[in-house]
Amino acid sequence: MIIDEDILKDGIDEVLLAKLIRKHSLEQERYEKLYNYYIGKHAICERRRSSDNIANNKIVCNHAKYIVDIAKAIL
């Protein structure tokens, strides 16, 4: 759903608000995953090895935060 000036000219009614809340709730898991990427909480950090004799090296390079911060700076 694209919200433009034509939709908002009469204000936000209950139907539009319900649609927006429904859309947000459907995307909530994705938003949480993207936010975790932004704050540096990547899935690789949760990975555990099955044996203590195996190295458990992990490197996180937070490109998501870099991209968002650069885009915010430009705007």
N, C-alpha and C. Protein backbone atom coordinates (compact mmCIF):
# COMPACT_ATOMS: atom_id res chain seq x y z
N MET A 1 0.84 -1.17 0.00
CA MET A 1 0.00 0.00 0.00
C MET A 1 0.89 1.24 0.00
N ILE A 2 0.66 2.10 -0.94
CA ILE A 2 1.40 3.35 -1.01
C ILE A 2 0.50 4.45 -0.45
N ILE A 3 1.02 5.18 0.49
CA ILE A 3 0.25 6.26 1.10
C ILE A 3 0.71 7.56 0.48
N ASP A 4 -0.20 8.23 -0.17
CA ASP A 4 0.14 9.51 -0.78
C ASP A 4 -0.81 10.60 -0.27
N GLU A 5 -0.69 11.77 -0.81
CA GLU A 5 -1.48 12.91 -0.34
C GLU A 5 -2.96 12.71 -0.58
N ASP A 6 -3.35 12.00 -1.66
CA ASP A 6 -4.77 11.79 -1.94
C ASP A 6 -5.43 10.96 -0.84
N ILE A 7 -4.72 9.99 -0.33
CA ILE A 7 -5.29 9.14 0.72
C ILE A 7 -5.39 9.91 2.03
N LEU A 8 -4.41 10.75 2.31
CA LEU A 8 -4.37 11.46 3.58
C LEU A 8 -5.09 12.80 3.59
N LYS A 9 -5.65 13.23 2.47
CA LYS A 9 -6.26 14.56 2.42
C LYS A 9 -7.46 14.69 3.36
N ASP A 10 -8.18 13.57 3.60
CA ASP A 10 -9.33 13.61 4.50
C ASP A 10 -8.97 13.16 5.91
N GLY A 11 -7.69 12.90 6.15
CA GLY A 11 -7.26 12.44 7.47
C GLY A 11 -7.18 10.93 7.51
N ILE A 12 -6.76 10.42 8.64
CA ILE A 12 -6.63 8.98 8.80
C ILE A 12 -7.89 8.46 9.47
N ASP A 13 -8.58 7.56 8.79
CA ASP A 13 -9.77 6.96 9.38
C ASP A 13 -9.45 5.59 9.96
N GLU A 14 -10.46 4.95 10.53
CA GLU A 14 -10.25 3.67 11.21
C GLU A 14 -9.81 2.57 10.24
N VAL A 15 -10.34 2.60 9.03
CA VAL A 15 -10.01 1.56 8.04
C VAL A 15 -8.55 1.66 7.63
N LEU A 16 -8.09 2.86 7.34
CA LEU A 16 -6.69 3.06 6.95
C LEU A 16 -5.76 2.69 8.10
N LEU A 17 -6.10 3.10 9.30
CA LEU A 17 -5.29 2.79 10.46
C LEU A 17 -5.20 1.28 10.68
N ALA A 18 -6.31 0.58 10.52
CA ALA A 18 -6.32 -0.88 10.68
C ALA A 18 -5.44 -1.54 9.63
N LYS A 19 -5.48 -1.04 8.39
CA LYS A 19 -4.64 -1.60 7.32
C LYS A 19 -3.16 -1.39 7.63
N LEU A 20 -2.82 -0.21 8.11
CA LEU A 20 -1.42 0.08 8.43
C LEU A 20 -0.92 -0.77 9.60
N ILE A 21 -1.75 -0.95 10.60
CA ILE A 21 -1.36 -1.80 11.74
C ILE A 21 -1.20 -3.24 11.30
N ARG A 22 -2.10 -3.73 10.46
CA ARG A 22 -2.01 -5.10 9.94
C ARG A 22 -0.74 -5.28 9.12
N LYS A 23 -0.43 -4.32 8.27
CA LYS A 23 0.78 -4.41 7.45
C LYS A 23 2.03 -4.41 8.33
N HIS A 24 2.03 -3.57 9.35
CA HIS A 24 3.18 -3.51 10.25
C HIS A 24 3.35 -4.84 11.00
N SER A 25 2.25 -5.41 11.46
CA SER A 25 2.36 -6.66 12.21
C SER A 25 2.84 -7.81 11.33
N LEU A 26 2.50 -7.78 10.04
CA LEU A 26 2.98 -8.81 9.13
C LEU A 26 4.48 -8.68 8.88
N GLU A 27 5.01 -7.48 8.94
CA GLU A 27 6.42 -7.23 8.68
C GLU A 27 7.26 -7.17 9.95
N GLN A 28 6.66 -7.37 11.12
CA GLN A 28 7.36 -7.17 12.38
C GLN A 28 8.58 -8.08 12.52
N GLU A 29 8.47 -9.34 12.13
CA GLU A 29 9.61 -10.25 12.25
C GLU A 29 10.77 -9.77 11.37
N ARG A 30 10.45 -9.31 10.18
CA ARG A 30 11.49 -8.79 9.28
C ARG A 30 12.14 -7.54 9.86
N TYR A 31 11.31 -6.65 10.43
CA TYR A 31 11.85 -5.43 11.05
C TYR A 31 12.79 -5.77 12.19
N GLU A 32 12.43 -6.76 13.01
CA GLU A 32 13.29 -7.16 14.12
C GLU A 32 14.62 -7.72 13.62
N LYS A 33 14.56 -8.51 12.56
CA LYS A 33 15.79 -9.08 11.99
C LYS A 33 16.69 -7.96 11.45
N LEU A 34 16.11 -7.01 10.75
CA LEU A 34 16.89 -5.90 10.21
C LEU A 34 17.46 -5.02 11.32
N TYR A 35 16.68 -4.81 12.37
CA TYR A 35 17.18 -4.02 13.50
C TYR A 35 18.34 -4.74 14.18
N ASN A 36 18.22 -6.05 14.34
CA ASN A 36 19.31 -6.82 14.93
C ASN A 36 20.57 -6.72 14.08
N TYR A 37 20.42 -6.74 12.76
CA TYR A 37 21.58 -6.53 11.89
C TYR A 37 22.19 -5.15 12.15
N TYR A 38 21.33 -4.14 12.28
CA TYR A 38 21.81 -2.77 12.48
C TYR A 38 22.61 -2.64 13.77
N ILE A 39 22.15 -3.26 14.85
CA ILE A 39 22.84 -3.12 16.13
C ILE A 39 23.99 -4.11 16.29
N GLY A 40 24.22 -4.95 15.27
CA GLY A 40 25.37 -5.85 15.30
C GLY A 40 25.08 -7.21 15.89
N LYS A 41 23.82 -7.55 16.03
CA LYS A 41 23.43 -8.85 16.58
C LYS A 41 23.15 -9.80 15.43
N HIS A 42 24.22 -10.31 14.83
CA HIS A 42 24.10 -11.18 13.66
C HIS A 42 23.92 -12.63 14.10
N ALA A 43 23.36 -13.44 13.22
CA ALA A 43 23.09 -14.84 13.53
C ALA A 43 24.37 -15.61 13.83
N ILE A 44 25.47 -15.22 13.23
CA ILE A 44 26.74 -15.93 13.44
C ILE A 44 27.19 -15.84 14.90
N CYS A 45 26.78 -14.81 15.60
CA CYS A 45 27.16 -14.65 17.01
C CYS A 45 26.51 -15.72 17.90
N GLU A 46 25.41 -16.28 17.46
CA GLU A 46 24.70 -17.30 18.23
C GLU A 46 25.18 -18.72 17.91
N ARG A 47 26.01 -18.85 16.90
CA ARG A 47 26.45 -20.18 16.47
C ARG A 47 27.36 -20.81 17.51
N ARG A 48 27.12 -22.08 17.79
CA ARG A 48 27.93 -22.83 18.74
C ARG A 48 28.48 -24.08 18.06
N ARG A 49 29.70 -24.41 18.35
CA ARG A 49 30.33 -25.62 17.81
C ARG A 49 29.96 -26.82 18.67
N SER A 50 29.97 -27.99 18.04
CA SER A 50 29.58 -29.21 18.75
C SER A 50 30.68 -29.75 19.65
N SER A 51 31.91 -29.34 19.42
CA SER A 51 33.03 -29.86 20.20
C SER A 51 33.88 -28.70 20.71
N ASP A 52 34.47 -28.90 21.88
CA ASP A 52 35.34 -27.87 22.44
C ASP A 52 36.68 -27.80 21.73
N ASN A 53 37.03 -28.82 20.98
CA ASN A 53 38.31 -28.88 20.28
C ASN A 53 38.30 -28.15 18.94
N ILE A 54 37.14 -27.72 18.52
CA ILE A 54 37.01 -27.03 17.24
C ILE A 54 36.96 -25.52 17.49
N ALA A 55 37.65 -24.77 16.66
CA ALA A 55 37.65 -23.31 16.80
C ALA A 55 36.24 -22.76 16.52
N ASN A 56 35.89 -21.73 17.23
CA ASN A 56 34.59 -21.09 17.06
C ASN A 56 34.80 -19.62 16.73
N ASN A 57 35.56 -19.37 15.67
CA ASN A 57 35.89 -18.01 15.27
C ASN A 57 34.70 -17.34 14.59
N LYS A 58 34.49 -16.09 14.94
CA LYS A 58 33.38 -15.33 14.37
C LYS A 58 33.85 -13.91 14.09
N ILE A 59 33.47 -13.40 12.94
CA ILE A 59 33.79 -12.01 12.60
C ILE A 59 32.50 -11.36 12.14
N VAL A 60 32.19 -10.21 12.71
CA VAL A 60 31.01 -9.46 12.31
C VAL A 60 31.48 -8.12 11.76
N CYS A 61 31.15 -7.86 10.53
CA CYS A 61 31.43 -6.56 9.92
C CYS A 61 30.07 -5.92 9.64
N ASN A 62 29.75 -4.90 10.36
CA ASN A 62 28.40 -4.36 10.36
C ASN A 62 28.16 -3.41 9.18
N HIS A 63 27.98 -3.98 8.01
CA HIS A 63 27.70 -3.18 6.81
C HIS A 63 26.31 -2.54 6.88
N ALA A 64 25.37 -3.22 7.53
CA ALA A 64 24.01 -2.67 7.62
C ALA A 64 24.02 -1.32 8.33
N LYS A 65 24.72 -1.23 9.44
CA LYS A 65 24.80 0.03 10.19
C LYS A 65 25.50 1.10 9.36
N TYR A 66 26.57 0.71 8.70
CA TYR A 66 27.31 1.66 7.87
C TYR A 66 26.42 2.24 6.77
N ILE A 67 25.70 1.38 6.08
CA ILE A 67 24.84 1.81 4.98
C ILE A 67 23.74 2.76 5.48
N VAL A 68 23.10 2.39 6.58
CA VAL A 68 22.03 3.22 7.12
C VAL A 68 22.57 4.56 7.60
N ASP A 69 23.69 4.54 8.31
CA ASP A 69 24.26 5.79 8.82
C ASP A 69 24.69 6.73 7.69
N ILE A 70 25.25 6.19 6.63
CA ILE A 70 25.63 7.01 5.47
C ILE A 70 24.39 7.59 4.80
N ALA A 71 23.36 6.76 4.64
CA ALA A 71 22.12 7.24 4.00
C ALA A 71 21.47 8.33 4.85
N LYS A 72 21.49 8.18 6.17
CA LYS A 72 20.92 9.22 7.06
C LYS A 72 21.71 10.51 6.95
N ALA A 73 23.02 10.40 6.82
CA ALA A 73 23.86 11.59 6.74
C ALA A 73 23.59 12.37 5.45
N ILE A 74 23.34 11.65 4.38
CA ILE A 74 23.09 12.30 3.10
C ILE A 74 21.74 13.01 3.10
N LEU A 75 20.75 12.41 3.73
CA LEU A 75 19.41 13.01 3.76
C LEU A 75 19.41 14.15 4.73
